[in-house]
Amino acid sequence: MITKQCLIEEVQHLIEEYILELSSPIDSFLEEHIQASAFYMIKDGSQAVGYYAIHNNELLTQFYIRRSSQMQSQWMFNHVIEHHACKSLFVPTCDELFLSLAIDKDFIISKQAYFFQESHVDIPEIILDDDQFRIANMDDLAQIQQISGEFLDQYERRIANGELFTYYRGNVLHGIGVIEKSKMFNDHASIGMLTNEAYRKQGIGKSIILLLRKWCRQQGIKPISGCWYYNEASKRTLESAGMVTKTRLLNIKVTT
């Protein structure tokens, strides 16, 4: 087997195979790291049988080999780690092959994030008469930046792309919602929210997630979400709004 650097488009057919083998989808945090990675094709003779991806020359974000060639997966995985001097791996627990190969190596495992999907339980939104939830526009930019700080980046681009939503109570912005359509999974989008610090613990975050779920259903989109593993407040908010988690993202440190 040999490897060669390639464009993501050259292994798109393999990425589609990989996605079909996952037991659950991944959220935008991991997807952004994957999309920003350098891709490498794994070839057996003239045939492409797998691929891997490395972010910032040190973080392995993808490793996939077709089942017909998986007898070589341990050897190839070791070769990739050593050849590129990888320092860490982002491994979602829904990726059985990648997870098993990492466990084989006895690396140091840390918990990075929860990935959520819909429970399909209907939970009613509680909306007051003076509440307004809508897609953000440029008139909202100053207030969004004021309450959000560094929560997100490229606010103007996100507003232009229809990714941001506002939740007003009267004239006061109580929170924002975020929808990032997946580039890897058809008809999926990551949803998230931020509540104005002055109005937290009032159910605003839960209402925003419920409204984003409803918007996604109306658009024929499956909502997914994620949060940092140790952010218990975000986890409770997502669960209160009918999101459930069975998948973790692991940050695995390579040891020599």
Protein backbone atom coordinates (compact mmCIF):
# COMPACT_ATOMS: atom_id res chain seq x y z
CA MET A 1 0.00 0.00 0.00
CA ILE A 2 1.09 3.56 -0.73
CA THR A 3 -0.26 6.99 0.22
CA LYS A 4 -0.31 10.29 -1.61
CA GLN A 5 -1.66 13.73 -0.80
CA CYS A 6 -4.79 14.62 -2.72
CA LEU A 7 -7.71 17.00 -2.91
CA ILE A 8 -10.80 16.21 -0.87
CA GLU A 9 -12.74 15.88 -4.13
CA GLU A 10 -10.51 12.95 -5.18
CA VAL A 11 -11.66 10.86 -2.21
CA GLN A 12 -15.25 12.10 -2.09
CA HIS A 13 -16.54 8.65 -3.09
CA LEU A 14 -14.64 7.15 -0.15
CA ILE A 15 -15.97 9.82 2.21
CA GLU A 16 -19.50 8.87 1.16
CA GLU A 17 -18.72 5.21 1.93
CA TYR A 18 -17.29 6.24 5.31
CA ILE A 19 -20.40 8.26 6.22
CA LEU A 20 -22.65 5.27 5.52
CA GLU A 21 -20.68 3.19 8.04
CA LEU A 22 -21.05 5.65 10.92
CA SER A 23 -23.59 4.77 13.59
CA SER A 24 -24.53 8.45 14.08
CA PRO A 25 -23.68 11.82 12.49
CA ILE A 26 -20.98 14.24 13.65
CA ASP A 27 -21.48 17.93 14.41
CA SER A 28 -20.03 21.06 12.84
CA PHE A 29 -17.09 21.35 15.27
CA LEU A 30 -15.49 18.12 14.05
CA GLU A 31 -16.67 18.66 10.50
CA GLU A 32 -14.88 22.03 10.33
CA HIS A 33 -11.63 20.40 11.46
CA ILE A 34 -12.06 17.68 8.84
CA GLN A 35 -12.84 20.14 6.05
CA ALA A 36 -9.73 22.18 6.95
CA SER A 37 -7.47 19.12 6.94
CA ALA A 38 -4.97 17.92 4.34
CA PHE A 39 -6.25 14.73 2.68
CA TYR A 40 -4.27 11.67 1.67
CA MET A 41 -5.36 8.77 -0.50
CA ILE A 42 -4.47 5.17 0.42
CA LYS A 43 -3.84 3.04 -2.66
CA ASP A 44 -3.40 -0.69 -3.15
CA GLY A 45 -1.79 -0.92 -6.54
CA SER A 46 -3.82 1.34 -8.80
CA GLN A 47 -6.98 1.18 -6.65
CA ALA A 48 -7.93 3.75 -4.00
CA VAL A 49 -8.95 1.75 -0.92
CA GLY A 50 -9.00 4.42 1.77
CA TYR A 51 -8.01 7.86 2.92
CA TYR A 52 -6.99 9.88 5.96
CA ALA A 53 -6.89 13.55 6.88
CA ILE A 54 -4.54 15.63 9.04
CA HIS A 55 -5.33 19.05 10.48
CA ASN A 56 -2.55 21.57 10.98
CA ASN A 57 0.14 18.94 10.38
CA GLU A 58 -0.46 17.25 13.74
CA LEU A 59 -4.10 16.26 14.35
CA LEU A 60 -5.46 13.14 12.66
CA THR A 61 -9.13 13.81 11.95
CA GLN A 62 -10.03 10.92 9.59
CA PHE A 63 -8.84 7.39 8.92
CA TYR A 64 -10.83 5.06 6.68
CA ILE A 65 -10.05 1.86 4.80
CA ARG A 66 -12.56 -0.19 2.85
CA ARG A 67 -13.58 -3.46 4.46
CA SER A 68 -11.94 -5.48 1.69
CA SER A 69 -8.55 -4.04 2.72
CA GLN A 70 -9.02 -3.74 6.48
CA MET A 71 -6.58 -6.58 7.19
CA GLN A 72 -3.97 -3.89 6.50
CA SER A 73 -5.62 -1.24 8.69
CA GLN A 74 -3.44 -1.65 11.80
CA TRP A 75 -0.23 -1.52 9.79
CA MET A 76 -1.38 1.49 7.78
CA PHE A 77 -2.65 3.31 10.88
CA ASN A 78 0.73 2.86 12.58
CA HIS A 79 2.49 4.05 9.43
CA VAL A 80 0.36 7.21 9.25
CA ILE A 81 0.94 8.06 12.92
CA GLU A 82 4.71 7.59 12.62
CA HIS A 83 5.21 9.06 9.16
CA HIS A 84 3.36 12.29 9.97
CA ALA A 85 4.48 12.44 13.63
CA CYS A 86 0.84 12.96 14.65
CA LYS A 87 0.45 14.41 18.12
CA SER A 88 -3.26 13.76 18.63
CA LEU A 89 -6.44 12.35 17.11
CA PHE A 90 -10.06 13.50 17.03
CA VAL A 91 -12.04 10.25 17.17
CA PRO A 92 -15.87 10.13 17.31
CA THR A 93 -17.18 7.03 19.03
CA CYS A 94 -19.59 6.48 16.12
CA ASP A 95 -16.54 5.55 13.98
CA GLU A 96 -15.86 1.96 15.05
CA LEU A 97 -12.73 1.35 12.93
CA PHE A 98 -10.95 4.59 13.90
CA LEU A 99 -11.89 4.11 17.56
CA SER A 100 -10.67 0.50 17.63
CA LEU A 101 -7.35 1.36 16.01
CA ALA A 102 -6.75 4.16 18.51
CA ILE A 103 -7.61 1.88 21.44
CA ASP A 104 -5.13 -0.71 20.11
CA LYS A 105 -2.34 1.81 20.66
CA ASP A 106 -3.04 2.53 24.35
CA PHE A 107 -2.92 6.26 23.74
CA ILE A 108 -4.11 8.78 26.35
CA ILE A 109 -7.86 9.31 25.93
CA SER A 110 -9.58 12.56 26.93
CA LYS A 111 -13.25 13.40 26.47
CA GLN A 112 -13.73 16.39 24.15
CA ALA A 113 -17.45 16.73 23.37
CA TYR A 114 -20.95 15.28 23.31
CA PHE A 115 -22.73 14.86 19.97
CA PHE A 116 -26.56 15.06 20.09
CA GLN A 117 -29.45 13.95 17.90
CA GLU A 118 -33.19 14.48 18.16
CA SER A 119 -35.13 12.28 20.58
CA HIS A 120 -38.24 12.77 18.38
CA VAL A 121 -40.14 13.70 21.53
CA ASP A 122 -42.38 16.72 20.96
CA ILE A 123 -41.88 19.41 23.59
CA PRO A 124 -44.04 22.55 23.34
CA GLU A 125 -42.34 25.92 23.10
CA ILE A 126 -43.34 28.53 25.66
CA ILE A 127 -43.50 31.84 23.81
CA LEU A 128 -44.76 35.05 25.43
CA ASP A 129 -46.78 37.64 23.53
CA ASP A 130 -43.85 40.02 23.11
CA ASP A 131 -41.34 37.30 22.12
CA GLN A 132 -40.06 37.27 18.56
CA PHE A 133 -37.90 34.58 16.96
CA ARG A 134 -36.67 35.16 13.42
CA ILE A 135 -33.70 34.96 11.04
CA ALA A 136 -31.19 37.67 11.88
CA ASN A 137 -30.47 40.61 9.58
CA MET A 138 -27.75 43.24 9.51
CA ASP A 139 -29.79 45.54 11.75
CA ASP A 140 -29.25 42.98 14.53
CA LEU A 141 -25.46 42.88 14.14
CA ALA A 142 -24.51 45.35 16.88
CA GLN A 143 -26.69 43.67 19.52
CA ILE A 144 -25.54 40.20 18.44
CA GLN A 145 -21.90 41.18 18.79
CA GLN A 146 -22.56 42.89 22.12
CA ILE A 147 -24.00 39.78 23.80
CA SER A 148 -21.94 37.19 21.92
CA GLY A 149 -18.34 38.39 22.05
CA GLU A 150 -16.15 35.57 20.74
CA PHE A 151 -18.88 32.91 20.82
CA LEU A 152 -18.75 32.85 17.01
CA ASP A 153 -16.75 34.44 14.21
CA GLN A 154 -17.63 36.07 10.87
CA TYR A 155 -20.99 37.39 12.05
CA GLU A 156 -21.64 39.35 8.86
CA ARG A 157 -21.09 36.27 6.70
CA ARG A 158 -23.27 34.14 8.95
CA ILE A 159 -26.10 36.68 8.83
CA ALA A 160 -25.82 36.90 5.04
CA ASN A 161 -25.98 33.11 4.81
CA GLY A 162 -29.06 32.89 7.03
CA GLU A 163 -27.22 30.96 9.76
CA LEU A 164 -28.13 33.23 12.70
CA PHE A 165 -31.50 33.66 14.42
CA THR A 166 -32.55 36.22 17.02
CA TYR A 167 -34.80 35.79 20.04
CA TYR A 168 -36.15 39.17 21.18
CA ARG A 169 -38.40 39.90 24.14
CA GLY A 170 -39.71 43.33 23.36
CA ASN A 171 -36.75 45.31 22.04
CA VAL A 172 -34.15 43.40 24.03
CA LEU A 173 -32.11 40.60 22.42
CA HIS A 174 -32.34 37.68 24.85
CA GLY A 175 -30.42 35.16 22.78
CA ILE A 176 -29.26 33.97 19.38
CA GLY A 177 -29.64 30.68 17.56
CA VAL A 178 -27.18 29.17 15.09
CA ILE A 179 -27.76 26.71 12.25
CA GLU A 180 -24.79 25.37 10.28
CA LYS A 181 -25.76 23.11 7.40
CA SER A 182 -23.52 20.07 7.11
CA LYS A 183 -21.13 19.79 4.16
CA MET A 184 -20.72 16.04 4.71
CA PHE A 185 -24.19 14.78 5.67
CA ASN A 186 -27.13 15.36 3.37
CA ASP A 187 -30.10 17.10 5.01
CA HIS A 188 -28.35 17.60 8.38
CA ALA A 189 -27.49 20.78 10.25
CA SER A 190 -25.83 21.57 13.56
CA ILE A 191 -27.88 23.80 15.83
CA GLY A 192 -26.76 25.81 18.83
CA MET A 193 -27.64 28.82 20.91
CA LEU A 194 -26.28 31.53 23.19
CA THR A 195 -28.38 33.27 25.85
CA ASN A 196 -27.81 36.88 26.84
CA GLU A 197 -25.94 36.62 30.15
CA ALA A 198 -28.44 38.95 31.85
CA TYR A 199 -31.35 36.57 31.10
CA ARG A 200 -29.92 33.13 31.74
CA LYS A 201 -31.70 30.41 33.75
CA GLN A 202 -35.08 31.58 32.42
CA GLY A 203 -35.58 28.90 29.76
CA ILE A 204 -34.45 31.09 26.85
CA GLY A 205 -31.83 28.61 25.65
CA LYS A 206 -34.33 25.74 25.74
CA SER A 207 -36.85 27.80 23.75
CA ILE A 208 -34.26 28.68 21.11
CA ILE A 209 -33.26 25.02 20.61
CA LEU A 210 -36.92 24.00 20.36
CA LEU A 211 -37.56 26.73 17.77
CA LEU A 212 -34.46 25.71 15.79
CA ARG A 213 -35.66 22.09 15.83
CA LYS A 214 -39.03 23.25 14.51
CA TRP A 215 -37.41 25.37 11.78
CA CYS A 216 -35.26 22.41 10.70
CA ARG A 217 -38.29 20.12 10.45
CA GLN A 218 -40.06 22.69 8.29
CA GLN A 219 -37.03 22.76 5.96
CA GLY A 220 -36.68 18.97 5.81
CA ILE A 221 -33.42 19.09 7.78
CA LYS A 222 -32.33 16.77 10.59
CA PRO A 223 -30.96 18.81 13.50
CA ILE A 224 -27.86 17.64 15.37
CA SER A 225 -25.83 19.42 18.00
CA GLY A 226 -22.76 19.24 20.19
CA CYS A 227 -21.19 20.79 23.25
CA TRP A 228 -17.93 20.64 25.13
CA TYR A 229 -17.92 17.55 27.33
CA TYR A 230 -17.55 19.52 30.57
CA ASN A 231 -20.18 22.17 29.78
CA GLU A 232 -22.96 20.75 31.96
CA ALA A 233 -25.18 23.81 31.49
CA SER A 234 -25.24 23.39 27.70
CA LYS A 235 -25.80 19.64 28.03
CA ARG A 236 -28.80 20.19 30.33
CA THR A 237 -30.25 22.82 27.99
CA LEU A 238 -29.98 20.56 24.94
CA GLU A 239 -31.52 17.62 26.79
CA SER A 240 -34.37 19.78 28.12
CA ALA A 241 -35.14 20.69 24.51
CA GLY A 242 -35.39 17.06 23.38
CA MET A 243 -31.85 16.38 22.18
CA VAL A 244 -30.15 13.15 23.26
CA THR A 245 -26.58 11.92 23.08
CA LYS A 246 -25.05 8.50 22.52
CA THR A 247 -21.87 9.69 20.79
CA ARG A 248 -18.72 11.26 22.19
CA LEU A 249 -15.81 13.00 20.52
CA LEU A 250 -12.51 11.84 21.99
CA ASN A 251 -9.29 13.86 21.98
CA ILE A 252 -6.62 11.17 21.97
CA LYS A 253 -2.98 12.10 22.64
CA VAL A 254 -0.29 10.10 20.91
CA THR A 255 2.27 8.62 23.29
CA THR A 256 5.64 7.24 22.30
